[in-house]
Amino acid sequence: MSDIADSAASGVDDAKPRSATPKGRKPEARPGFFARIATFVRQVVAELKKVVRPTRSELISYTTTVLVFVAIVMAFVLVVDLAVGKATFWIFGG
């Protein structure tokens, strides 16, 4: 058997437990509550500056596409609902 298999079979663990912070280092101080809020707001503003807004024609095109798709889905649900209703009345009488 190999050395790795021997140590695994015997249950010996050569790994040393890791401490939370390395020796000689102090844990980093966490910024205060208001500093974290300020950082969050700065990051939000930076991300919003990257947003590209659609032009008017793109917006109209996207809106039309969504409305047509919703109308198609509504028609499909209506047909399925009516079919299930008719089948229920046919099966159980009414």
C-alpha atoms as a PDB file:
ATOM      1  CA  MET A   1       0.000   0.000   0.000  1.00  0.00           C
ATOM      2  CA  SER A   2       1.116   3.550  -0.588  1.00  0.00           C
ATOM      3  CA  ASP A   3       1.863   6.051   2.169  1.00  0.00           C
ATOM      4  CA  ILE A   4      -1.278   8.012   1.339  1.00  0.00           C
ATOM      5  CA  ALA A   5      -3.436   4.926   1.553  1.00  0.00           C
ATOM      6  CA  ASP A   6      -1.779   3.931   4.876  1.00  0.00           C
ATOM      7  CA  SER A   7      -2.429   7.309   6.467  1.00  0.00           C
ATOM      8  CA  ALA A   8      -5.986   7.420   5.119  1.00  0.00           C
ATOM      9  CA  ALA A   9      -6.693   3.915   6.392  1.00  0.00           C
ATOM     10  CA  SER A  10      -5.254   4.647   9.818  1.00  0.00           C
ATOM     11  CA  GLY A  11      -7.282   7.823  10.199  1.00  0.00           C
ATOM     12  CA  VAL A  12      -4.208  10.005  10.669  1.00  0.00           C
ATOM     13  CA  ASP A  13      -4.708  13.578   9.515  1.00  0.00           C
ATOM     14  CA  ASP A  14      -1.501  15.481   8.758  1.00  0.00           C
ATOM     15  CA  ALA A  15      -3.342  18.705   7.959  1.00  0.00           C
ATOM     16  CA  LYS A  16      -2.947  21.447  10.546  1.00  0.00           C
ATOM     17  CA  PRO A  17      -6.064  23.332  11.580  1.00  0.00           C
ATOM     18  CA  ARG A  18      -6.262  26.761   9.995  1.00  0.00           C
ATOM     19  CA  SER A  19      -6.766  29.735  12.194  1.00  0.00           C
ATOM     20  CA  ALA A  20      -9.060  32.588  11.213  1.00  0.00           C
ATOM     21  CA  THR A  21      -6.148  35.007  10.780  1.00  0.00           C
ATOM     22  CA  PRO A  22      -2.522  34.211   9.941  1.00  0.00           C
ATOM     23  CA  LYS A  23       0.050  34.709  12.702  1.00  0.00           C
ATOM     24  CA  GLY A  24       1.386  38.223  12.996  1.00  0.00           C
ATOM     25  CA  ARG A  25      -1.676  39.783  11.372  1.00  0.00           C
ATOM     26  CA  LYS A  26      -4.453  41.570  13.102  1.00  0.00           C
ATOM     27  CA  PRO A  27      -7.980  41.017  11.793  1.00  0.00           C
ATOM     28  CA  GLU A  28      -9.049  43.822   9.468  1.00  0.00           C
ATOM     29  CA  ALA A  29     -11.396  46.321  11.049  1.00  0.00           C
ATOM     30  CA  ARG A  30     -14.850  46.237   9.519  1.00  0.00           C
ATOM     31  CA  PRO A  31     -16.101  49.636   8.347  1.00  0.00           C
ATOM     32  CA  GLY A  32     -18.889  51.223  10.353  1.00  0.00           C
ATOM     33  CA  PHE A  33     -22.585  51.013   9.568  1.00  0.00           C
ATOM     34  CA  PHE A  34     -22.819  54.420   7.871  1.00  0.00           C
ATOM     35  CA  ALA A  35     -19.600  53.850   5.936  1.00  0.00           C
ATOM     36  CA  ARG A  36     -21.066  50.636   4.508  1.00  0.00           C
ATOM     37  CA  ILE A  37     -24.264  52.473   3.534  1.00  0.00           C
ATOM     38  CA  ALA A  38     -22.219  55.212   1.832  1.00  0.00           C
ATOM     39  CA  THR A  39     -20.190  52.586  -0.052  1.00  0.00           C
ATOM     40  CA  PHE A  40     -23.388  50.862  -1.164  1.00  0.00           C
ATOM     41  CA  VAL A  41     -24.898  54.131  -2.442  1.00  0.00           C
ATOM     42  CA  ARG A  42     -21.680  54.971  -4.325  1.00  0.00           C
ATOM     43  CA  GLN A  43     -21.686  51.536  -5.964  1.00  0.00           C
ATOM     44  CA  VAL A  44     -25.361  51.875  -6.944  1.00  0.00           C
ATOM     45  CA  VAL A  45     -24.721  55.268  -8.547  1.00  0.00           C
ATOM     46  CA  ALA A  46     -21.696  53.851 -10.416  1.00  0.00           C
ATOM     47  CA  GLU A  47     -23.788  50.959 -11.766  1.00  0.00           C
ATOM     48  CA  LEU A  48     -26.627  53.259 -12.802  1.00  0.00           C
ATOM     49  CA  LYS A  49     -24.174  55.340 -14.821  1.00  0.00           C
ATOM     50  CA  LYS A  50     -23.458  52.220 -16.891  1.00  0.00           C
ATOM     51  CA  VAL A  51     -27.115  51.725 -17.842  1.00  0.00           C
ATOM     52  CA  VAL A  52     -27.916  52.329 -21.510  1.00  0.00           C
ATOM     53  CA  ARG A  53     -31.467  53.529 -21.976  1.00  0.00           C
ATOM     54  CA  PRO A  54     -33.345  52.432 -25.109  1.00  0.00           C
ATOM     55  CA  THR A  55     -34.310  54.945 -27.755  1.00  0.00           C
ATOM     56  CA  ARG A  56     -37.965  55.846 -28.264  1.00  0.00           C
ATOM     57  CA  SER A  57     -38.323  53.562 -31.276  1.00  0.00           C
ATOM     58  CA  GLU A  58     -36.698  50.645 -29.418  1.00  0.00           C
ATOM     59  CA  LEU A  59     -38.985  51.217 -26.440  1.00  0.00           C
ATOM     60  CA  ILE A  60     -42.093  51.205 -28.659  1.00  0.00           C
ATOM     61  CA  SER A  61     -40.861  48.048 -30.380  1.00  0.00           C
ATOM     62  CA  TYR A  62     -40.193  46.256 -27.068  1.00  0.00           C
ATOM     63  CA  THR A  63     -43.549  47.340 -25.627  1.00  0.00           C
ATOM     64  CA  THR A  64     -45.426  46.168 -28.714  1.00  0.00           C
ATOM     65  CA  THR A  65     -43.642  42.816 -28.614  1.00  0.00           C
ATOM     66  CA  VAL A  66     -44.530  42.284 -24.952  1.00  0.00           C
ATOM     67  CA  LEU A  67     -48.182  43.254 -25.448  1.00  0.00           C
ATOM     68  CA  VAL A  68     -48.568  40.924 -28.454  1.00  0.00           C
ATOM     69  CA  PHE A  69     -46.960  38.050 -26.542  1.00  0.00           C
ATOM     70  CA  VAL A  70     -49.228  38.652 -23.514  1.00  0.00           C
ATOM     71  CA  ALA A  71     -52.302  38.701 -25.783  1.00  0.00           C
ATOM     72  CA  ILE A  72     -51.261  35.372 -27.349  1.00  0.00           C
ATOM     73  CA  VAL A  73     -50.734  33.775 -23.932  1.00  0.00           C
ATOM     74  CA  MET A  74     -54.110  35.133 -22.739  1.00  0.00           C
ATOM     75  CA  ALA A  75     -55.841  33.636 -25.780  1.00  0.00           C
ATOM     76  CA  PHE A  76     -54.147  30.271 -25.174  1.00  0.00           C
ATOM     77  CA  VAL A  77     -55.178  30.253 -21.495  1.00  0.00           C
ATOM     78  CA  LEU A  78     -58.748  31.214 -22.481  1.00  0.00           C
ATOM     79  CA  VAL A  79     -58.995  28.318 -24.944  1.00  0.00           C
ATOM     80  CA  VAL A  80     -57.562  25.822 -22.450  1.00  0.00           C
ATOM     81  CA  ASP A  81     -59.891  27.105 -19.695  1.00  0.00           C
ATOM     82  CA  LEU A  82     -62.961  26.800 -21.911  1.00  0.00           C
ATOM     83  CA  ALA A  83     -61.914  23.293 -23.023  1.00  0.00           C
ATOM     84  CA  VAL A  84     -61.374  22.135 -19.445  1.00  0.00           C
ATOM     85  CA  GLY A  85     -64.702  23.665 -18.417  1.00  0.00           C
ATOM     86  CA  LYS A  86     -66.578  21.929 -21.250  1.00  0.00           C
ATOM     87  CA  ALA A  87     -64.858  18.629 -20.438  1.00  0.00           C
ATOM     88  CA  THR A  88     -65.758  18.967 -16.761  1.00  0.00           C
ATOM     89  CA  PHE A  89     -69.427  19.627 -17.550  1.00  0.00           C
ATOM     90  CA  TRP A  90     -69.460  16.719 -20.024  1.00  0.00           C
ATOM     91  CA  ILE A  91     -67.864  14.308 -17.508  1.00  0.00           C
ATOM     92  CA  PHE A  92     -69.801  15.319 -14.379  1.00  0.00           C
ATOM     93  CA  GLY A  93     -72.961  16.621 -16.048  1.00  0.00           C
ATOM     94  CA  GLY A  94     -74.378  19.987 -15.524  1.00  0.00           C
END
